[in-house]
C-alpha cells in the first residue's frame, strides 16, 4: 500500500510463497519491496527471516501480484 493512492484498495491476483526452512526462533522479520508498480497491477516481493540465538536465517521467499481497486 506504500505506493497506492488514499482511495485505493487491493486484491491479490497471485500469491506464491516458498518455505525454505522452519520458522523456529525468537522473531520473524520480513523485508519487502515493490518490484513494479503499474497502473493497475503491482508486483511485490519479500524475504522472511527467522532470528534464533542472534543469528538470522532465510526461511521463506514471497512473490505477490496485486490489483488496484478504486472506490
Protein backbone atom coordinates (compact mmCIF):
# COMPACT_ATOMS: atom_id res chain seq x y z
CA UNK A 1 0.00 0.00 0.00
CA UNK A 2 3.03 2.30 0.22
CA UNK A 3 2.63 3.42 -3.42
CA UNK A 4 -1.19 3.41 -3.58
CA UNK A 5 -3.46 6.44 -3.66
CA UNK A 6 -5.50 7.11 -0.48
CA UNK A 7 -8.83 5.99 -2.06
CA UNK A 8 -7.42 2.64 -3.26
CA UNK A 9 -7.83 -0.92 -2.05
CA UNK A 10 -6.06 -4.03 -3.35
CA UNK A 11 -6.90 -7.65 -4.11
CA UNK A 12 -4.40 -10.45 -4.53
CA UNK A 13 -4.14 -11.73 -8.10
CA UNK A 14 -1.31 -14.20 -7.45
CA UNK A 15 0.49 -15.18 -4.27
CA UNK A 16 3.44 -17.54 -4.13
CA UNK A 17 5.48 -18.48 -1.10
CA UNK A 18 8.46 -20.81 -0.94
CA UNK A 19 9.16 -22.17 2.52
CA UNK A 20 12.90 -22.75 2.82
CA UNK A 21 13.31 -23.74 6.46
CA UNK A 22 11.19 -23.99 9.63
CA UNK A 23 10.27 -20.69 11.28
CA UNK A 24 11.60 -21.84 14.63
CA UNK A 25 13.09 -18.95 16.55
CA UNK A 26 12.59 -15.77 18.54
CA UNK A 27 11.43 -13.34 15.86
CA UNK A 28 10.22 -13.30 12.24
CA UNK A 29 11.40 -10.36 10.12
CA UNK A 30 10.06 -9.66 6.62
CA UNK A 31 11.96 -7.37 4.26
CA UNK A 32 9.58 -6.42 1.44
CA UNK A 33 9.76 -4.23 -1.63
CA UNK A 34 7.64 -3.14 -4.55
CA UNK A 35 9.20 -4.69 -7.66
CA UNK A 36 6.95 -2.87 -10.16
CA UNK A 37 4.04 -0.52 -9.53
CA UNK A 38 1.93 -0.32 -12.66
CA UNK A 39 -1.29 1.49 -13.48
CA UNK A 40 -3.45 -1.48 -12.45
CA UNK A 41 -1.16 -4.31 -11.29
CA UNK A 42 1.68 -4.17 -8.79
CA UNK A 43 4.28 -6.85 -8.11
CA UNK A 44 5.88 -7.13 -4.69
CA UNK A 45 8.39 -9.48 -3.11
CA UNK A 46 9.54 -10.28 0.41
CA UNK A 47 12.26 -12.26 2.11
CA UNK A 48 11.27 -13.64 5.51
CA UNK A 49 13.98 -14.29 8.08
CA UNK A 50 13.93 -16.06 11.42
CA UNK A 51 16.11 -14.88 14.27
CA UNK A 52 17.34 -17.55 16.65
CA UNK A 53 20.24 -17.21 19.08
CA UNK A 54 21.05 -13.80 17.50
CA UNK A 55 21.55 -15.42 14.08
CA UNK A 56 19.41 -14.63 11.03
CA UNK A 57 18.30 -17.34 8.61
CA UNK A 58 16.17 -17.01 5.47
CA UNK A 59 13.06 -19.14 5.96
CA UNK A 60 10.69 -18.01 3.16
CA UNK A 61 10.56 -16.09 -0.12
CA UNK A 62 7.30 -14.45 -1.25
CA UNK A 63 6.18 -13.08 -4.62
CA UNK A 64 2.78 -11.40 -4.92
CA UNK A 65 0.80 -9.60 -7.64
CA UNK A 66 -1.95 -7.22 -6.56
CA UNK A 67 -4.63 -5.36 -8.49
CA UNK A 68 -5.71 -1.82 -7.55
CA UNK A 69 -9.40 -1.30 -6.83
CA UNK A 70 -10.57 2.31 -6.76
CA UNK A 71 -13.57 3.23 -4.60
